[in-house]
């Protein structure tokens, strides 16, 4: 891996060019050879591709022009940051797929109408996890006073990352879906929630969990994470 120091003309670079990948970590900019991942066409990969294909066709053949316009309006009002930290905006189609991907993957109803609240849902600052070898479960703590928890057809989706050595301080995948918590307008879900770990838990390893909130109107939050050391 090569470290870089940019001069005049180019100050930042992200992504891949001619077999090299350019990025940045806490030590500065770097370049490394680009490696093409293998494509084993696993069941999980095929399931994800099928969901995207389904939603693509759904956008073109099922949504009404008014619904597509509503998604375009929502997308135009909600900014994201790209790899360079610059503000960008998704298309209505991309926002529709982003919002409905996990809902469809977990066999929930597709949200057709574009959200009228022009903002992402809030994340949960209390999100925390604890893992046990004995139960092979991860206890997920969340704030059940947040709006999603008191709303029908809203969810907290949680994924587990591949376990790592205890000294690792950063993790960005791969992830595997673990479980969901459903909101309820009458009786909000109880925290913490016990979820069966999709990856085997080993004493002393470190695990990260990744969560997102989806509201009943289809708005999907930014991801938020928590980690813990696996206990007995």
C-alpha atoms as a PDB file:
ATOM      1  CA  UNK A   1       0.000   0.000   0.000  1.00  0.00           C
ATOM      2  CA  UNK A   2       1.435   3.385  -1.023  1.00  0.00           C
ATOM      3  CA  UNK A   3       0.876   6.627   0.874  1.00  0.00           C
ATOM      4  CA  UNK A   4       0.126   9.720  -1.195  1.00  0.00           C
ATOM      5  CA  UNK A   5       0.551  13.464  -0.745  1.00  0.00           C
ATOM      6  CA  UNK A   6      -1.444  15.483  -3.239  1.00  0.00           C
ATOM      7  CA  UNK A   7      -0.230  18.764  -4.673  1.00  0.00           C
ATOM      8  CA  UNK A   8      -1.729  21.413  -6.912  1.00  0.00           C
ATOM      9  CA  UNK A   9      -4.618  20.336  -9.095  1.00  0.00           C
ATOM     10  CA  UNK A  10      -5.684  17.256  -7.131  1.00  0.00           C
ATOM     11  CA  UNK A  11      -6.402  17.397  -3.398  1.00  0.00           C
ATOM     12  CA  UNK A  12      -8.522  14.271  -2.855  1.00  0.00           C
ATOM     13  CA  UNK A  13      -9.107  10.997  -4.670  1.00  0.00           C
ATOM     14  CA  UNK A  14     -11.475   8.118  -3.989  1.00  0.00           C
ATOM     15  CA  UNK A  15     -12.320   5.018  -5.993  1.00  0.00           C
ATOM     16  CA  UNK A  16     -10.370   3.008  -8.550  1.00  0.00           C
ATOM     17  CA  UNK A  17      -8.449   3.947 -11.719  1.00  0.00           C
ATOM     18  CA  UNK A  18      -6.400   1.610 -13.917  1.00  0.00           C
ATOM     19  CA  UNK A  19      -6.057  -1.169 -11.401  1.00  0.00           C
ATOM     20  CA  UNK A  20      -5.400   1.065  -8.380  1.00  0.00           C
ATOM     21  CA  UNK A  21      -7.739   1.995  -5.527  1.00  0.00           C
ATOM     22  CA  UNK A  22      -7.417   5.426  -3.919  1.00  0.00           C
ATOM     23  CA  UNK A  23      -8.788   6.213  -0.476  1.00  0.00           C
ATOM     24  CA  UNK A  24      -7.950   7.750   2.900  1.00  0.00           C
ATOM     25  CA  UNK A  25      -7.682   6.524   6.464  1.00  0.00           C
ATOM     26  CA  UNK A  26      -6.546   8.194   9.700  1.00  0.00           C
ATOM     27  CA  UNK A  27      -2.928   8.098   8.507  1.00  0.00           C
ATOM     28  CA  UNK A  28      -3.661   9.992   5.285  1.00  0.00           C
ATOM     29  CA  UNK A  29      -4.291   9.242   1.608  1.00  0.00           C
ATOM     30  CA  UNK A  30      -3.182   5.885   0.216  1.00  0.00           C
ATOM     31  CA  UNK A  31      -3.272   3.768  -2.931  1.00  0.00           C
ATOM     32  CA  UNK A  32      -3.401  -0.025  -3.218  1.00  0.00           C
ATOM     33  CA  UNK A  33      -3.832  -2.525  -6.043  1.00  0.00           C
ATOM     34  CA  UNK A  34      -7.432  -3.130  -6.991  1.00  0.00           C
ATOM     35  CA  UNK A  35      -8.531  -6.696  -6.389  1.00  0.00           C
ATOM     36  CA  UNK A  36     -11.618  -8.030  -8.078  1.00  0.00           C
ATOM     37  CA  UNK A  37     -13.684 -10.040  -5.589  1.00  0.00           C
ATOM     38  CA  UNK A  38     -14.788 -13.507  -6.510  1.00  0.00           C
ATOM     39  CA  UNK A  39     -18.434 -13.996  -7.341  1.00  0.00           C
ATOM     40  CA  UNK A  40     -19.544 -17.278  -5.828  1.00  0.00           C
ATOM     41  CA  UNK A  41     -23.189 -16.433  -6.547  1.00  0.00           C
ATOM     42  CA  UNK A  42     -24.211 -17.467  -3.069  1.00  0.00           C
ATOM     43  CA  UNK A  43     -27.835 -17.675  -2.034  1.00  0.00           C
ATOM     44  CA  UNK A  44     -27.504 -14.352  -0.187  1.00  0.00           C
ATOM     45  CA  UNK A  45     -26.028 -12.625  -3.233  1.00  0.00           C
ATOM     46  CA  UNK A  46     -28.710 -13.996  -5.511  1.00  0.00           C
ATOM     47  CA  UNK A  47     -31.428 -12.953  -3.072  1.00  0.00           C
ATOM     48  CA  UNK A  48     -30.099  -9.381  -2.995  1.00  0.00           C
ATOM     49  CA  UNK A  49     -29.888  -9.197  -6.788  1.00  0.00           C
ATOM     50  CA  UNK A  50     -33.430 -10.514  -7.075  1.00  0.00           C
ATOM     51  CA  UNK A  51     -34.706  -7.846  -4.693  1.00  0.00           C
ATOM     52  CA  UNK A  52     -33.033  -5.062  -6.693  1.00  0.00           C
ATOM     53  CA  UNK A  53     -34.407  -6.481  -9.952  1.00  0.00           C
ATOM     54  CA  UNK A  54     -37.867  -6.692  -8.432  1.00  0.00           C
ATOM     55  CA  UNK A  55     -37.774  -3.095  -7.174  1.00  0.00           C
ATOM     56  CA  UNK A  56     -36.434  -1.836 -10.504  1.00  0.00           C
ATOM     57  CA  UNK A  57     -39.347  -3.391 -12.345  1.00  0.00           C
ATOM     58  CA  UNK A  58     -41.743  -2.218  -9.621  1.00  0.00           C
ATOM     59  CA  UNK A  59     -40.606   1.395 -10.098  1.00  0.00           C
ATOM     60  CA  UNK A  60     -41.265   1.293 -13.839  1.00  0.00           C
ATOM     61  CA  UNK A  61     -44.408  -0.824 -13.997  1.00  0.00           C
ATOM     62  CA  UNK A  62     -46.289  -0.432 -10.699  1.00  0.00           C
ATOM     63  CA  UNK A  63     -45.717   3.054  -9.305  1.00  0.00           C
ATOM     64  CA  UNK A  64     -47.899   5.797 -10.686  1.00  0.00           C
ATOM     65  CA  UNK A  65     -46.341   8.951 -12.178  1.00  0.00           C
ATOM     66  CA  UNK A  66     -47.475  10.847  -9.083  1.00  0.00           C
ATOM     67  CA  UNK A  67     -45.740   8.344  -6.787  1.00  0.00           C
ATOM     68  CA  UNK A  68     -42.518   8.531  -8.785  1.00  0.00           C
ATOM     69  CA  UNK A  69     -42.673  12.327  -8.626  1.00  0.00           C
ATOM     70  CA  UNK A  70     -43.103  12.154  -4.849  1.00  0.00           C
ATOM     71  CA  UNK A  71     -39.953  10.017  -4.554  1.00  0.00           C
ATOM     72  CA  UNK A  72     -38.095  12.493  -6.770  1.00  0.00           C
ATOM     73  CA  UNK A  73     -39.217  15.330  -4.501  1.00  0.00           C
ATOM     74  CA  UNK A  74     -38.079  13.464  -1.398  1.00  0.00           C
ATOM     75  CA  UNK A  75     -34.718  12.592  -2.962  1.00  0.00           C
ATOM     76  CA  UNK A  76     -34.117  16.201  -4.012  1.00  0.00           C
ATOM     77  CA  UNK A  77     -34.616  17.372  -0.422  1.00  0.00           C
ATOM     78  CA  UNK A  78     -32.389  14.834   1.371  1.00  0.00           C
ATOM     79  CA  UNK A  79     -28.622  15.308   0.946  1.00  0.00           C
ATOM     80  CA  UNK A  80     -25.940  12.636   1.314  1.00  0.00           C
ATOM     81  CA  UNK A  81     -22.143  12.799   1.390  1.00  0.00           C
ATOM     82  CA  UNK A  82     -20.097  11.045  -1.286  1.00  0.00           C
ATOM     83  CA  UNK A  83     -16.647   9.479  -0.745  1.00  0.00           C
ATOM     84  CA  UNK A  84     -15.026  12.910  -0.880  1.00  0.00           C
ATOM     85  CA  UNK A  85     -17.386  14.332   1.715  1.00  0.00           C
ATOM     86  CA  UNK A  86     -19.208  16.417  -0.882  1.00  0.00           C
ATOM     87  CA  UNK A  87     -22.969  16.867  -0.760  1.00  0.00           C
ATOM     88  CA  UNK A  88     -24.844  14.865  -3.387  1.00  0.00           C
ATOM     89  CA  UNK A  89     -28.473  13.957  -4.021  1.00  0.00           C
ATOM     90  CA  UNK A  90     -29.843  10.582  -5.081  1.00  0.00           C
ATOM     91  CA  UNK A  91     -32.398  10.157  -7.839  1.00  0.00           C
ATOM     92  CA  UNK A  92     -35.970   9.306  -6.933  1.00  0.00           C
ATOM     93  CA  UNK A  93     -35.422   5.779  -8.257  1.00  0.00           C
ATOM     94  CA  UNK A  94     -32.311   5.271  -6.131  1.00  0.00           C
ATOM     95  CA  UNK A  95     -34.095   6.572  -3.052  1.00  0.00           C
ATOM     96  CA  UNK A  96     -37.042   4.251  -3.694  1.00  0.00           C
ATOM     97  CA  UNK A  97     -34.722   1.241  -3.919  1.00  0.00           C
ATOM     98  CA  UNK A  98     -32.689   2.365  -0.892  1.00  0.00           C
ATOM     99  CA  UNK A  99     -35.826   2.727   1.230  1.00  0.00           C
ATOM    100  CA  UNK A 100     -37.536  -0.482   0.141  1.00  0.00           C
ATOM    101  CA  UNK A 101     -34.616  -2.894  -0.254  1.00  0.00           C
ATOM    102  CA  UNK A 102     -34.584  -4.190   3.329  1.00  0.00           C
ATOM    103  CA  UNK A 103     -38.378  -4.143   3.562  1.00  0.00           C
ATOM    104  CA  UNK A 104     -38.693  -6.358   0.498  1.00  0.00           C
ATOM    105  CA  UNK A 105     -35.776  -8.578   1.537  1.00  0.00           C
ATOM    106  CA  UNK A 106     -37.547  -9.307   4.812  1.00  0.00           C
ATOM    107  CA  UNK A 107     -40.887  -9.919   3.052  1.00  0.00           C
ATOM    108  CA  UNK A 108     -42.568  -6.698   4.180  1.00  0.00           C
ATOM    109  CA  UNK A 109     -44.867  -4.586   2.027  1.00  0.00           C
ATOM    110  CA  UNK A 110     -43.237  -2.221  -0.465  1.00  0.00           C
ATOM    111  CA  UNK A 111     -43.887   1.446   0.337  1.00  0.00           C
ATOM    112  CA  UNK A 112     -45.157   2.971  -2.892  1.00  0.00           C
ATOM    113  CA  UNK A 113     -45.972   6.551  -1.926  1.00  0.00           C
ATOM    114  CA  UNK A 114     -42.988   8.864  -1.610  1.00  0.00           C
ATOM    115  CA  UNK A 115     -42.451  10.264   1.929  1.00  0.00           C
ATOM    116  CA  UNK A 116     -43.880  13.701   2.596  1.00  0.00           C
ATOM    117  CA  UNK A 117     -41.558  14.314   5.536  1.00  0.00           C
ATOM    118  CA  UNK A 118     -38.444  15.550   3.765  1.00  0.00           C
ATOM    119  CA  UNK A 119     -35.794  14.270   6.161  1.00  0.00           C
ATOM    120  CA  UNK A 120     -34.151  11.008   7.157  1.00  0.00           C
ATOM    121  CA  UNK A 121     -35.315   9.347  10.382  1.00  0.00           C
ATOM    122  CA  UNK A 122     -33.178   9.989  13.425  1.00  0.00           C
ATOM    123  CA  UNK A 123     -30.660   7.353  14.487  1.00  0.00           C
ATOM    124  CA  UNK A 124     -30.565   5.843  17.991  1.00  0.00           C
ATOM    125  CA  UNK A 125     -27.702   7.178  20.164  1.00  0.00           C
ATOM    126  CA  UNK A 126     -28.485   4.573  22.852  1.00  0.00           C
ATOM    127  CA  UNK A 127     -27.912   1.614  20.506  1.00  0.00           C
ATOM    128  CA  UNK A 128     -25.673  -0.951  22.240  1.00  0.00           C
ATOM    129  CA  UNK A 129     -24.980  -4.684  22.020  1.00  0.00           C
ATOM    130  CA  UNK A 130     -23.749  -7.497  24.280  1.00  0.00           C
ATOM    131  CA  UNK A 131     -22.859 -10.997  23.025  1.00  0.00           C
ATOM    132  CA  UNK A 132     -22.847 -14.349  24.842  1.00  0.00           C
ATOM    133  CA  UNK A 133     -21.085 -17.603  23.973  1.00  0.00           C
ATOM    134  CA  UNK A 134     -23.503 -19.600  26.111  1.00  0.00           C
ATOM    135  CA  UNK A 135     -26.636 -18.497  24.287  1.00  0.00           C
ATOM    136  CA  UNK A 136     -25.100 -17.607  20.902  1.00  0.00           C
ATOM    137  CA  UNK A 137     -27.286 -14.520  21.102  1.00  0.00           C
ATOM    138  CA  UNK A 138     -26.668 -10.797  20.901  1.00  0.00           C
ATOM    139  CA  UNK A 139     -28.619  -8.554  23.226  1.00  0.00           C
ATOM    140  CA  UNK A 140     -29.588  -5.345  21.403  1.00  0.00           C
ATOM    141  CA  UNK A 141     -30.392  -2.267  23.457  1.00  0.00           C
ATOM    142  CA  UNK A 142     -32.447   0.514  21.856  1.00  0.00           C
ATOM    143  CA  UNK A 143     -34.618   3.471  22.833  1.00  0.00           C
ATOM    144  CA  UNK A 144     -38.255   2.408  22.647  1.00  0.00           C
ATOM    145  CA  UNK A 145     -39.409   6.007  23.104  1.00  0.00           C
ATOM    146  CA  UNK A 146     -38.213   6.955  19.615  1.00  0.00           C
ATOM    147  CA  UNK A 147     -40.986   7.514  17.035  1.00  0.00           C
ATOM    148  CA  UNK A 148     -40.331   4.313  15.042  1.00  0.00           C
ATOM    149  CA  UNK A 149     -40.877   2.117  18.115  1.00  0.00           C
ATOM    150  CA  UNK A 150     -44.326   3.617  18.608  1.00  0.00           C
ATOM    151  CA  UNK A 151     -45.417   3.297  14.982  1.00  0.00           C
ATOM    152  CA  UNK A 152     -46.972   0.340  13.185  1.00  0.00           C
ATOM    153  CA  UNK A 153     -45.065  -0.903  10.105  1.00  0.00           C
ATOM    154  CA  UNK A 154     -41.814   0.674  11.298  1.00  0.00           C
ATOM    155  CA  UNK A 155     -38.717  -1.411  12.059  1.00  0.00           C
ATOM    156  CA  UNK A 156     -35.232  -1.511  13.501  1.00  0.00           C
ATOM    157  CA  UNK A 157     -33.161  -3.787  11.237  1.00  0.00           C
ATOM    158  CA  UNK A 158     -29.977  -5.203  12.793  1.00  0.00           C
ATOM    159  CA  UNK A 159     -27.028  -6.983  11.144  1.00  0.00           C
ATOM    160  CA  UNK A 160     -23.957  -8.646  12.638  1.00  0.00           C
ATOM    161  CA  UNK A 161     -20.447  -8.333  11.266  1.00  0.00           C
ATOM    162  CA  UNK A 162     -17.932 -11.152  10.942  1.00  0.00           C
ATOM    163  CA  UNK A 163     -16.262 -11.545  14.390  1.00  0.00           C
ATOM    164  CA  UNK A 164     -12.807  -9.962  14.712  1.00  0.00           C
ATOM    165  CA  UNK A 165      -9.833 -10.026  17.066  1.00  0.00           C
ATOM    166  CA  UNK A 166     -10.396  -8.056  20.263  1.00  0.00           C
ATOM    167  CA  UNK A 167      -7.800  -5.389  19.447  1.00  0.00           C
ATOM    168  CA  UNK A 168      -9.415  -4.278  16.195  1.00  0.00           C
ATOM    169  CA  UNK A 169     -10.899  -0.792  16.416  1.00  0.00           C
ATOM    170  CA  UNK A 170     -12.564  -0.387  13.021  1.00  0.00           C
ATOM    171  CA  UNK A 171     -14.904  -2.574  10.987  1.00  0.00           C
ATOM    172  CA  UNK A 172     -16.858  -1.911   7.802  1.00  0.00           C
ATOM    173  CA  UNK A 173     -18.248  -5.283   6.812  1.00  0.00           C
ATOM    174  CA  UNK A 174     -19.113  -7.791   5.605  1.00  0.00           C
ATOM    175  CA  UNK A 175     -22.430  -7.860   7.437  1.00  0.00           C
ATOM    176  CA  UNK A 176     -25.176 -10.444   7.662  1.00  0.00           C
ATOM    177  CA  UNK A 177     -28.806  -9.767   8.588  1.00  0.00           C
ATOM    178  CA  UNK A 178     -29.538 -10.819  12.154  1.00  0.00           C
ATOM    179  CA  UNK A 179     -33.087  -9.819  13.108  1.00  0.00           C
ATOM    180  CA  UNK A 180     -35.592  -6.994  13.277  1.00  0.00           C
ATOM    181  CA  UNK A 181     -37.606  -5.218  15.941  1.00  0.00           C
ATOM    182  CA  UNK A 182     -41.087  -4.096  14.894  1.00  0.00           C
ATOM    183  CA  UNK A 183     -42.641  -0.883  16.101  1.00  0.00           C
ATOM    184  CA  UNK A 184     -46.091  -0.937  17.667  1.00  0.00           C
ATOM    185  CA  UNK A 185     -48.416   2.030  18.162  1.00  0.00           C
ATOM    186  CA  UNK A 186     -50.111   0.388  21.154  1.00  0.00           C
ATOM    187  CA  UNK A 187     -47.307  -1.463  22.945  1.00  0.00           C
ATOM    188  CA  UNK A 188     -43.797  -0.437  21.903  1.00  0.00           C
ATOM    189  CA  UNK A 189     -41.168  -3.211  21.808  1.00  0.00           C
ATOM    190  CA  UNK A 190     -39.206  -3.990  24.950  1.00  0.00           C
ATOM    191  CA  UNK A 191     -35.497  -3.265  25.093  1.00  0.00           C
ATOM    192  CA  UNK A 192     -33.143  -5.100  25.047  1.00  0.00           C
ATOM    193  CA  UNK A 193     -34.061  -7.613  22.340  1.00  0.00           C
ATOM    194  CA  UNK A 194     -32.309 -11.003  22.207  1.00  0.00           C
ATOM    195  CA  UNK A 195     -31.251 -11.956  18.661  1.00  0.00           C
ATOM    196  CA  UNK A 196     -29.657 -15.183  17.449  1.00  0.00           C
ATOM    197  CA  UNK A 197     -26.206 -14.418  16.032  1.00  0.00           C
ATOM    198  CA  UNK A 198     -25.789 -15.409  12.354  1.00  0.00           C
ATOM    199  CA  UNK A 199     -22.017 -15.842  12.908  1.00  0.00           C
ATOM    200  CA  UNK A 200     -20.666 -18.135  15.634  1.00  0.00           C
ATOM    201  CA  UNK A 201     -19.707 -16.252  18.786  1.00  0.00           C
ATOM    202  CA  UNK A 202     -16.341 -17.135  20.349  1.00  0.00           C
ATOM    203  CA  UNK A 203     -15.194 -15.978  23.782  1.00  0.00           C
ATOM    204  CA  UNK A 204     -13.007 -12.862  23.628  1.00  0.00           C
ATOM    205  CA  UNK A 205     -13.709 -11.971  20.014  1.00  0.00           C
ATOM    206  CA  UNK A 206     -15.062  -8.556  19.063  1.00  0.00           C
ATOM    207  CA  UNK A 207     -18.308  -8.158  17.167  1.00  0.00           C
ATOM    208  CA  UNK A 208     -19.886  -5.146  15.538  1.00  0.00           C
ATOM    209  CA  UNK A 209     -23.587  -4.738  14.851  1.00  0.00           C
ATOM    210  CA  UNK A 210     -25.056  -2.411  12.253  1.00  0.00           C
ATOM    211  CA  UNK A 211     -28.570  -1.004  12.458  1.00  0.00           C
ATOM    212  CA  UNK A 212     -30.975   1.126  10.504  1.00  0.00           C
ATOM    213  CA  UNK A 213     -34.428   2.439  11.250  1.00  0.00           C
ATOM    214  CA  UNK A 214     -37.162   2.412   8.628  1.00  0.00           C
ATOM    215  CA  UNK A 215     -40.313   4.396   9.253  1.00  0.00           C
ATOM    216  CA  UNK A 216     -43.777   3.412   8.083  1.00  0.00           C
ATOM    217  CA  UNK A 217     -43.596   5.989   5.292  1.00  0.00           C
ATOM    218  CA  UNK A 218     -40.496   4.278   3.864  1.00  0.00           C
ATOM    219  CA  UNK A 219     -37.846   6.680   5.145  1.00  0.00           C
ATOM    220  CA  UNK A 220     -34.625   4.818   5.959  1.00  0.00           C
ATOM    221  CA  UNK A 221     -32.132   6.218   8.451  1.00  0.00           C
ATOM    222  CA  UNK A 222     -28.393   6.422   8.089  1.00  0.00           C
ATOM    223  CA  UNK A 223     -26.624   3.390   9.569  1.00  0.00           C
ATOM    224  CA  UNK A 224     -25.368   3.351  13.150  1.00  0.00           C
ATOM    225  CA  UNK A 225     -23.163   0.766  14.839  1.00  0.00           C
ATOM    226  CA  UNK A 226     -22.109  -0.651  18.183  1.00  0.00           C
ATOM    227  CA  UNK A 227     -19.514  -3.213  19.217  1.00  0.00           C
ATOM    228  CA  UNK A 228     -18.718  -5.477  22.149  1.00  0.00           C
ATOM    229  CA  UNK A 229     -16.368  -8.216  23.310  1.00  0.00           C
ATOM    230  CA  UNK A 230     -18.026 -11.648  23.354  1.00  0.00           C
ATOM    231  CA  UNK A 231     -18.572 -12.782  26.941  1.00  0.00           C
ATOM    232  CA  UNK A 232     -19.205 -16.199  28.413  1.00  0.00           C
END
